PDB file of all heavy atoms in Angstrom:
ATOM      1  N   SER A   1     -11.959  -6.779  12.395  1.00  0.00           N
ATOM      2  CA  SER A   1     -12.206  -6.937  10.905  1.00  0.00           C
ATOM      3  C   SER A   1     -10.987  -6.600  10.099  1.00  0.00           C
ATOM      4  O   SER A   1     -10.553  -7.496   9.231  1.00  0.00           O
ATOM      5  CB  SER A   1     -13.386  -6.215  10.430  1.00  0.00           C
ATOM      6  OG  SER A   1     -14.593  -6.298  11.241  1.00  0.00           O
ATOM      7  N   ARG A   2     -10.343  -5.511  10.426  1.00  0.00           N
ATOM      8  CA  ARG A   2      -9.083  -5.187   9.755  1.00  0.00           C
ATOM      9  C   ARG A   2      -7.995  -6.100   9.920  1.00  0.00           C
ATOM     10  O   ARG A   2      -7.279  -6.623   8.908  1.00  0.00           O
ATOM     11  CB  ARG A   2      -8.657  -3.718  10.117  1.00  0.00           C
ATOM     12  CG  ARG A   2      -7.645  -3.117   9.086  1.00  0.00           C
ATOM     13  CD  ARG A   2      -8.276  -2.483   7.957  1.00  0.00           C
ATOM     14  NE  ARG A   2      -9.076  -1.317   8.280  1.00  0.00           N
ATOM     15  CZ  ARG A   2      -9.763  -0.659   7.386  1.00  0.00           C
ATOM     16  NH1 ARG A   2      -9.936  -1.015   6.183  1.00  0.00           N
ATOM     17  NH2 ARG A   2     -10.464   0.460   7.691  1.00  0.00           N
ATOM     18  N   GLN A   3      -7.789  -6.589  11.150  1.00  0.00           N
ATOM     19  CA  GLN A   3      -6.743  -7.430  11.525  1.00  0.00           C
ATOM     20  C   GLN A   3      -7.043  -8.850  10.991  1.00  0.00           C
ATOM     21  O   GLN A   3      -6.133  -9.562  10.432  1.00  0.00           O
ATOM     22  CB  GLN A   3      -6.460  -7.591  12.941  1.00  0.00           C
ATOM     23  CG  GLN A   3      -5.961  -6.335  13.584  1.00  0.00           C
ATOM     24  CD  GLN A   3      -5.839  -6.366  15.080  1.00  0.00           C
ATOM     25  OE1 GLN A   3      -6.579  -7.201  15.766  1.00  0.00           O
ATOM     26  NE2 GLN A   3      -4.969  -5.625  15.672  1.00  0.00           N
ATOM     27  N   PHE A   4      -8.238  -9.283  10.973  1.00  0.00           N
ATOM     28  CA  PHE A   4      -8.778 -10.575  10.429  1.00  0.00           C
ATOM     29  C   PHE A   4      -8.494 -10.593   8.951  1.00  0.00           C
ATOM     30  O   PHE A   4      -7.914 -11.625   8.392  1.00  0.00           O
ATOM     31  CB  PHE A   4     -10.188 -10.728  10.634  1.00  0.00           C
ATOM     32  CG  PHE A   4     -10.727 -12.153  10.646  1.00  0.00           C
ATOM     33  CD1 PHE A   4     -12.046 -12.527  11.042  1.00  0.00           C
ATOM     34  CD2 PHE A   4      -9.899 -13.206  10.338  1.00  0.00           C
ATOM     35  CE1 PHE A   4     -12.417 -13.793  11.119  1.00  0.00           C
ATOM     36  CE2 PHE A   4     -10.270 -14.583  10.293  1.00  0.00           C
ATOM     37  CZ  PHE A   4     -11.595 -14.854  10.713  1.00  0.00           C
ATOM     38  N   ALA A   5      -8.748  -9.498   8.200  1.00  0.00           N
ATOM     39  CA  ALA A   5      -8.475  -9.370   6.763  1.00  0.00           C
ATOM     40  C   ALA A   5      -7.084  -9.548   6.472  1.00  0.00           C
ATOM     41  O   ALA A   5      -6.587 -10.233   5.539  1.00  0.00           O
ATOM     42  CB  ALA A   5      -9.104  -8.118   6.248  1.00  0.00           C
ATOM     43  N   THR A   6      -6.205  -8.891   7.251  1.00  0.00           N
ATOM     44  CA  THR A   6      -4.800  -8.913   7.008  1.00  0.00           C
ATOM     45  C   THR A   6      -4.219 -10.335   7.233  1.00  0.00           C
ATOM     46  O   THR A   6      -3.330 -10.736   6.347  1.00  0.00           O
ATOM     47  CB  THR A   6      -4.039  -7.962   8.029  1.00  0.00           C
ATOM     48  OG1 THR A   6      -4.540  -6.663   7.819  1.00  0.00           O
ATOM     49  CG2 THR A   6      -2.562  -7.871   7.715  1.00  0.00           C
ATOM     50  N   MET A   7      -4.715 -10.946   8.186  1.00  0.00           N
ATOM     51  CA  MET A   7      -4.146 -12.414   8.420  1.00  0.00           C
ATOM     52  C   MET A   7      -4.644 -13.403   7.382  1.00  0.00           C
ATOM     53  O   MET A   7      -3.800 -14.209   6.931  1.00  0.00           O
ATOM     54  CB  MET A   7      -4.685 -12.828   9.810  1.00  0.00           C
ATOM     55  CG  MET A   7      -4.108 -12.082  11.011  1.00  0.00           C
ATOM     56  SD  MET A   7      -4.737 -12.658  12.615  1.00  0.00           S
ATOM     57  CE  MET A   7      -4.067 -11.420  13.636  1.00  0.00           C
ATOM     58  N   ILE A   8      -5.963 -13.237   6.926  1.00  0.00           N
ATOM     59  CA  ILE A   8      -6.367 -14.039   5.910  1.00  0.00           C
ATOM     60  C   ILE A   8      -5.617 -13.802   4.527  1.00  0.00           C
ATOM     61  O   ILE A   8      -5.200 -14.761   3.832  1.00  0.00           O
ATOM     62  CB  ILE A   8      -7.897 -13.897   5.610  1.00  0.00           C
ATOM     63  CG1 ILE A   8      -8.730 -14.230   6.880  1.00  0.00           C
ATOM     64  CG2 ILE A   8      -8.358 -14.659   4.371  1.00  0.00           C
ATOM     65  CD1 ILE A   8      -8.622 -15.758   7.257  1.00  0.00           C
ATOM     66  N   GLU A   9      -5.374 -12.558   4.324  1.00  0.00           N
ATOM     67  CA  GLU A   9      -4.591 -12.248   3.064  1.00  0.00           C
ATOM     68  C   GLU A   9      -3.206 -12.737   3.084  1.00  0.00           C
ATOM     69  O   GLU A   9      -2.485 -13.020   2.157  1.00  0.00           O
ATOM     70  CB  GLU A   9      -4.602 -10.707   2.972  1.00  0.00           C
ATOM     71  CG  GLU A   9      -3.924 -10.121   1.744  1.00  0.00           C
ATOM     72  CD  GLU A   9      -3.945  -8.691   1.602  1.00  0.00           C
ATOM     73  OE1 GLU A   9      -4.233  -7.963   2.576  1.00  0.00           O
ATOM     74  OE2 GLU A   9      -3.518  -8.108   0.410  1.00  0.00           O
ATOM     75  N   ALA A  10      -2.619 -12.765   4.394  1.00  0.00           N
ATOM     76  CA  ALA A  10      -1.219 -13.373   4.655  1.00  0.00           C
ATOM     77  C   ALA A  10      -1.175 -14.826   4.465  1.00  0.00           C
ATOM     78  O   ALA A  10      -0.069 -15.399   4.434  1.00  0.00           O
ATOM     79  CB  ALA A  10      -0.789 -12.824   5.928  1.00  0.00           C
ATOM     80  N   GLY A  11      -2.262 -15.481   4.345  1.00  0.00           N
ATOM     81  CA  GLY A  11      -2.222 -16.892   4.168  1.00  0.00           C
ATOM     82  C   GLY A  11      -2.672 -17.730   5.299  1.00  0.00           C
ATOM     83  O   GLY A  11      -2.641 -18.929   5.302  1.00  0.00           O
ATOM     84  N   LEU A  12      -2.969 -17.188   6.403  1.00  0.00           N
ATOM     85  CA  LEU A  12      -3.486 -17.893   7.696  1.00  0.00           C
ATOM     86  C   LEU A  12      -4.799 -18.482   7.425  1.00  0.00           C
ATOM     87  O   LEU A  12      -5.625 -17.835   6.753  1.00  0.00           O
ATOM     88  CB  LEU A  12      -3.372 -17.069   8.897  1.00  0.00           C
ATOM     89  CG  LEU A  12      -2.134 -16.946   9.661  1.00  0.00           C
ATOM     90  CD1 LEU A  12      -1.015 -16.088   8.874  1.00  0.00           C
ATOM     91  CD2 LEU A  12      -2.309 -16.374  11.065  1.00  0.00           C
ATOM     92  N   ASN A  13      -5.075 -19.651   8.044  1.00  0.00           N
ATOM     93  CA  ASN A  13      -6.518 -20.205   7.921  1.00  0.00           C
ATOM     94  C   ASN A  13      -7.354 -19.406   8.978  1.00  0.00           C
ATOM     95  O   ASN A  13      -6.791 -18.780   9.804  1.00  0.00           O
ATOM     96  CB  ASN A  13      -6.408 -21.693   8.071  1.00  0.00           C
ATOM     97  CG  ASN A  13      -5.889 -22.138   9.398  1.00  0.00           C
ATOM     98  OD1 ASN A  13      -6.239 -21.660  10.446  1.00  0.00           O
ATOM     99  ND2 ASN A  13      -5.021 -23.182   9.399  1.00  0.00           N
ATOM    100  N   VAL A  14      -8.636 -19.648   8.811  1.00  0.00           N
ATOM    101  CA  VAL A  14      -9.523 -18.930   9.668  1.00  0.00           C
ATOM    102  C   VAL A  14      -9.342 -19.225  11.187  1.00  0.00           C
ATOM    103  O   VAL A  14      -9.346 -18.383  12.061  1.00  0.00           O
ATOM    104  CB  VAL A  14     -11.095 -19.333   9.362  1.00  0.00           C
ATOM    105  CG1 VAL A  14     -12.038 -18.714  10.299  1.00  0.00           C
ATOM    106  CG2 VAL A  14     -11.314 -18.764   7.922  1.00  0.00           C
ATOM    107  N   VAL A  15      -9.165 -20.562  11.512  1.00  0.00           N
ATOM    108  CA  VAL A  15      -9.013 -20.924  12.853  1.00  0.00           C
ATOM    109  C   VAL A  15      -7.677 -20.331  13.493  1.00  0.00           C
ATOM    110  O   VAL A  15      -7.779 -19.742  14.654  1.00  0.00           O
ATOM    111  CB  VAL A  15      -8.918 -22.469  12.998  1.00  0.00           C
ATOM    112  CG1 VAL A  15      -8.658 -22.851  14.565  1.00  0.00           C
ATOM    113  CG2 VAL A  15     -10.192 -23.101  12.636  1.00  0.00           C
ATOM    114  N   SER A  16      -6.560 -20.304  12.742  1.00  0.00           N
ATOM    115  CA  SER A  16      -5.363 -19.766  13.296  1.00  0.00           C
ATOM    116  C   SER A  16      -5.534 -18.263  13.462  1.00  0.00           C
ATOM    117  O   SER A  16      -5.062 -17.675  14.517  1.00  0.00           O
ATOM    118  CB  SER A  16      -4.176 -19.973  12.297  1.00  0.00           C
ATOM    119  OG  SER A  16      -4.056 -21.424  12.178  1.00  0.00           O
ATOM    120  N   ALA A  17      -6.179 -17.612  12.552  1.00  0.00           N
ATOM    121  CA  ALA A  17      -6.401 -16.170  12.742  1.00  0.00           C
ATOM    122  C   ALA A  17      -7.233 -15.867  13.951  1.00  0.00           C
ATOM    123  O   ALA A  17      -7.005 -14.916  14.719  1.00  0.00           O
ATOM    124  CB  ALA A  17      -7.070 -15.704  11.458  1.00  0.00           C
ATOM    125  N   LEU A  18      -8.280 -16.673  14.105  1.00  0.00           N
ATOM    126  CA  LEU A  18      -9.094 -16.477  15.302  1.00  0.00           C
ATOM    127  C   LEU A  18      -8.506 -16.652  16.654  1.00  0.00           C
ATOM    128  O   LEU A  18      -8.742 -15.985  17.656  1.00  0.00           O
ATOM    129  CB  LEU A  18     -10.450 -17.413  15.268  1.00  0.00           C
ATOM    130  CG  LEU A  18     -11.418 -16.995  14.080  1.00  0.00           C
ATOM    131  CD1 LEU A  18     -12.541 -18.095  14.138  1.00  0.00           C
ATOM    132  CD2 LEU A  18     -12.100 -15.678  14.444  1.00  0.00           C
ATOM    133  N   VAL A  19      -7.583 -17.609  16.680  1.00  0.00           N
ATOM    134  CA  VAL A  19      -6.776 -17.809  17.885  1.00  0.00           C
ATOM    135  C   VAL A  19      -5.899 -16.740  18.206  1.00  0.00           C
ATOM    136  O   VAL A  19      -5.842 -16.198  19.381  1.00  0.00           O
ATOM    137  CB  VAL A  19      -5.834 -19.096  17.691  1.00  0.00           C
ATOM    138  CG1 VAL A  19      -4.791 -19.186  18.814  1.00  0.00           C
ATOM    139  CG2 VAL A  19      -6.578 -20.385  17.579  1.00  0.00           C
ATOM    140  N   ILE A  20      -5.274 -16.044  17.200  1.00  0.00           N
ATOM    141  CA  ILE A  20      -4.411 -14.813  17.470  1.00  0.00           C
ATOM    142  C   ILE A  20      -5.336 -13.694  17.868  1.00  0.00           C
ATOM    143  O   ILE A  20      -4.989 -12.948  18.834  1.00  0.00           O
ATOM    144  CB  ILE A  20      -3.675 -14.499  16.152  1.00  0.00           C
ATOM    145  CG1 ILE A  20      -2.724 -15.678  15.888  1.00  0.00           C
ATOM    146  CG2 ILE A  20      -2.907 -13.199  16.374  1.00  0.00           C
ATOM    147  CD1 ILE A  20      -2.047 -15.443  14.579  1.00  0.00           C
ATOM    148  N   LEU A  21      -6.435 -13.466  17.210  1.00  0.00           N
ATOM    149  CA  LEU A  21      -7.375 -12.372  17.518  1.00  0.00           C
ATOM    150  C   LEU A  21      -7.969 -12.428  18.912  1.00  0.00           C
ATOM    151  O   LEU A  21      -8.103 -11.454  19.656  1.00  0.00           O
ATOM    152  CB  LEU A  21      -8.487 -12.240  16.525  1.00  0.00           C
ATOM    153  CG  LEU A  21      -7.997 -11.845  15.187  1.00  0.00           C
ATOM    154  CD1 LEU A  21      -9.236 -12.100  14.078  1.00  0.00           C
ATOM    155  CD2 LEU A  21      -7.685 -10.355  15.139  1.00  0.00           C
ATOM    156  N   GLU A  22      -8.207 -13.779  19.336  1.00  0.00           N
ATOM    157  CA  GLU A  22      -8.747 -14.025  20.721  1.00  0.00           C
ATOM    158  C   GLU A  22      -7.862 -13.579  21.745  1.00  0.00           C
ATOM    159  O   GLU A  22      -8.187 -13.080  22.776  1.00  0.00           O
ATOM    160  CB  GLU A  22      -9.132 -15.431  20.824  1.00  0.00           C
ATOM    161  CG  GLU A  22      -9.719 -15.881  22.137  1.00  0.00           C
ATOM    162  CD  GLU A  22      -9.842 -17.385  22.217  1.00  0.00           C
ATOM    163  OE1 GLU A  22      -9.682 -18.047  21.347  1.00  0.00           O
ATOM    164  OE2 GLU A  22     -10.136 -17.882  23.482  1.00  0.00           O
ATOM    165  N   GLU A  23      -6.550 -13.794  21.509  1.00  0.00           N
ATOM    166  CA  GLU A  23      -5.536 -13.413  22.536  1.00  0.00           C
ATOM    167  C   GLU A  23      -5.214 -11.975  22.575  1.00  0.00           C
ATOM    168  O   GLU A  23      -4.862 -11.507  23.628  1.00  0.00           O
ATOM    169  CB  GLU A  23      -4.146 -14.234  22.188  1.00  0.00           C
ATOM    170  CG  GLU A  23      -4.384 -15.709  22.379  1.00  0.00           C
ATOM    171  CD  GLU A  23      -3.147 -16.470  21.821  1.00  0.00           C
ATOM    172  OE1 GLU A  23      -2.264 -15.827  21.261  1.00  0.00           O
ATOM    173  OE2 GLU A  23      -2.999 -17.666  22.050  1.00  0.00           O
ATOM    174  N   GLN A  24      -5.279 -11.264  21.480  1.00  0.00           N
ATOM    175  CA  GLN A  24      -4.902  -9.839  21.465  1.00  0.00           C
ATOM    176  C   GLN A  24      -5.980  -8.819  21.598  1.00  0.00           C
ATOM    177  O   GLN A  24      -5.597  -7.705  21.728  1.00  0.00           O
ATOM    178  CB  GLN A  24      -4.083  -9.557  20.210  1.00  0.00           C
ATOM    179  CG  GLN A  24      -4.848  -9.609  18.926  1.00  0.00           C
ATOM    180  CD  GLN A  24      -4.011  -9.327  17.713  1.00  0.00           C
ATOM    181  OE1 GLN A  24      -2.802  -9.698  17.722  1.00  0.00           O
ATOM    182  NE2 GLN A  24      -4.561  -8.824  16.606  1.00  0.00           N
ATOM    183  N   THR A  25      -7.279  -9.173  21.450  1.00  0.00           N
ATOM    184  CA  THR A  25      -8.334  -8.244  21.600  1.00  0.00           C
ATOM    185  C   THR A  25      -8.426  -7.746  22.951  1.00  0.00           C
ATOM    186  O   THR A  25      -8.279  -8.545  24.020  1.00  0.00           O
ATOM    187  CB  THR A  25      -9.618  -8.768  21.117  1.00  0.00           C
ATOM    188  OG1 THR A  25     -10.616  -7.747  21.160  1.00  0.00           O
ATOM    189  CG2 THR A  25     -10.079  -9.998  21.946  1.00  0.00           C
ATOM    190  N   ASP A  26      -8.639  -6.394  23.192  1.00  0.00           N
ATOM    191  CA  ASP A  26      -8.847  -5.860  24.594  1.00  0.00           C
ATOM    192  C   ASP A  26     -10.272  -5.846  25.031  1.00  0.00           C
ATOM    193  O   ASP A  26     -10.553  -5.666  26.140  1.00  0.00           O
ATOM    194  CB  ASP A  26      -8.249  -4.433  24.562  1.00  0.00           C
ATOM    195  CG  ASP A  26      -6.808  -4.453  24.294  1.00  0.00           C
ATOM    196  OD1 ASP A  26      -6.077  -5.343  24.795  1.00  0.00           O
ATOM    197  OD2 ASP A  26      -6.259  -3.433  23.764  1.00  0.00           O
TER     198      ASP A  26
END
């Protein structure tokens, strides 16, 4: 949630943020 919020605040769209989060979550 915290990383998602940071990415949305930085201007990324939802799909792009989810792609990054999918790759980096453990």
